[in-house]
Amino acid sequence: MDILRNLPVQQPAALSELISIQPGRVVSMALSRSEHCQMTLLAFGDGESISEERYFGDTVYYVLEGDMPLRLEGHEVCLGAGDCLAVPAQTTHAIGGNGPFKLLQITIQSN
């Protein structure tokens, strides 16, 4: 496989089990090697966050475990396990800051 990486190929596995939450850290694992589509698993320790960012493309957040606060254009929403939300390209937003959680982030390059 040229584009996908760090994913099971012999037997299925739970996506949330591929990454572990570590106290005091944000852990990331790249799942793709493409300049047009970035897929990343992230695990946030209790209270950890990523400050405001803007991405090159449209981004989908899919929460695997826990609750993920997302601050977007002056308001905050909380996504729970199984929830997803899309954030348009070049939109400033921040995630995290409460309890531990895991998520899949997919960013697709905009034209």
Protein backbone atom coordinates (compact mmCIF):
# COMPACT_ATOMS: atom_id res chain seq x y z
CA MET A 1 0.00 0.00 0.00
CA ASP A 2 1.46 3.30 -1.10
CA ILE A 3 -0.96 5.75 0.54
CA LEU A 4 -2.40 4.06 3.63
CA ARG A 5 -0.21 3.20 6.62
CA ASN A 6 -0.44 1.99 10.23
CA LEU A 7 -3.72 0.18 9.52
CA PRO A 8 -4.38 -3.54 9.99
CA VAL A 9 -4.17 -5.61 6.81
CA GLN A 10 -4.29 -9.22 8.02
CA GLN A 11 -7.18 -9.03 10.52
CA PRO A 12 -9.71 -6.35 11.40
CA ALA A 13 -9.12 -4.23 14.49
CA ALA A 14 -11.07 -1.53 16.30
CA LEU A 15 -9.85 1.86 15.09
CA SER A 16 -9.86 3.24 18.65
CA GLU A 17 -7.53 0.44 19.78
CA LEU A 18 -4.76 1.51 17.37
CA ILE A 19 -3.81 4.47 19.58
CA SER A 20 -3.58 4.96 23.34
CA ILE A 21 -4.39 7.94 25.54
CA GLN A 22 -1.34 9.04 27.53
CA PRO A 23 -1.60 11.43 30.49
CA GLY A 24 -0.34 14.94 29.75
CA ARG A 25 0.07 14.31 26.01
CA VAL A 26 -1.56 14.54 22.62
CA VAL A 27 -0.59 11.41 20.70
CA SER A 28 -0.96 11.23 16.91
CA MET A 29 -0.66 8.46 14.32
CA ALA A 30 -0.68 9.20 10.58
CA LEU A 31 -2.86 6.82 8.56
CA SER A 32 -2.06 8.21 5.10
CA ARG A 33 0.87 9.46 3.01
CA SER A 34 -0.96 11.70 0.58
CA GLU A 35 -0.52 15.43 0.08
CA HIS A 36 -4.20 15.65 -0.93
CA CYS A 37 -5.74 13.68 1.97
CA GLN A 38 -4.38 13.50 5.49
CA MET A 39 -5.88 10.96 7.89
CA THR A 40 -4.70 11.03 11.48
CA LEU A 41 -5.70 9.26 14.69
CA LEU A 42 -5.35 11.47 17.76
CA ALA A 43 -5.55 10.63 21.46
CA PHE A 44 -5.82 13.50 23.96
CA GLY A 45 -4.92 13.13 27.62
CA ASP A 46 -7.19 14.74 30.22
CA GLY A 47 -7.22 18.52 29.71
CA GLU A 48 -4.99 18.47 26.61
CA SER A 49 -5.88 20.58 23.58
CA ILE A 50 -4.71 21.92 20.24
CA SER A 51 -4.85 25.70 19.97
CA GLU A 52 -6.56 27.51 17.11
CA GLU A 53 -5.54 26.25 13.68
CA ARG A 54 -6.62 26.54 10.05
CA TYR A 55 -6.23 23.64 7.64
CA PHE A 56 -5.53 23.63 3.90
CA GLY A 57 -8.66 21.61 3.17
CA ASP A 58 -12.04 20.62 4.49
CA THR A 59 -11.66 18.61 7.71
CA VAL A 60 -13.90 15.94 9.22
CA TYR A 61 -13.61 15.09 12.91
CA TYR A 62 -15.01 11.70 13.98
CA VAL A 63 -14.92 11.03 17.73
CA LEU A 64 -14.00 7.46 18.64
CA GLU A 65 -14.05 7.69 22.47
CA GLY A 66 -14.93 10.33 25.03
CA ASP A 67 -16.22 13.86 24.47
CA MET A 68 -14.43 16.38 22.25
CA PRO A 69 -15.01 20.12 22.67
CA LEU A 70 -14.57 22.07 19.43
CA ARG A 71 -14.39 25.87 19.39
CA LEU A 72 -15.46 27.25 16.03
CA GLU A 73 -16.16 30.85 15.03
CA GLY A 74 -17.14 32.14 18.46
CA HIS A 75 -19.08 29.14 19.77
CA GLU A 76 -18.29 25.73 21.22
CA VAL A 77 -19.88 22.39 20.41
CA CYS A 78 -19.20 19.08 22.12
CA LEU A 79 -19.00 15.92 20.05
CA GLY A 80 -19.47 12.55 21.74
CA ALA A 81 -18.34 9.08 20.71
CA GLY A 82 -19.77 8.30 17.27
CA ASP A 83 -20.35 11.98 16.37
CA CYS A 84 -18.75 13.73 13.41
CA LEU A 85 -18.50 17.32 12.26
CA ALA A 86 -17.02 18.93 9.14
CA VAL A 87 -15.03 22.17 9.31
CA PRO A 88 -14.54 24.07 6.03
CA ALA A 89 -11.03 24.80 4.75
CA GLN A 90 -9.30 27.88 6.19
CA THR A 91 -11.74 28.08 9.14
CA THR A 92 -10.02 28.86 12.43
CA HIS A 93 -10.94 26.34 15.12
CA ALA A 94 -9.53 24.60 18.22
CA ILE A 95 -10.20 21.23 19.84
CA GLY A 96 -9.87 19.69 23.28
CA GLY A 97 -9.39 21.03 26.76
CA ASN A 98 -11.68 18.79 28.82
CA GLY A 99 -11.48 15.06 29.53
CA PRO A 100 -9.58 12.42 27.54
CA PHE A 101 -10.80 11.45 24.05
CA LYS A 102 -9.77 9.81 20.78
CA LEU A 103 -10.64 10.94 17.28
CA LEU A 104 -10.07 10.37 13.59
CA GLN A 105 -9.25 13.56 11.66
CA ILE A 106 -9.51 13.55 7.85
CA THR A 107 -8.46 16.62 5.89
CA ILE A 108 -9.06 16.72 2.14
CA GLN A 109 -7.38 19.33 -0.02
CA SER A 110 -9.73 21.94 -1.41
CA ASN A 111 -9.42 23.07 -5.01
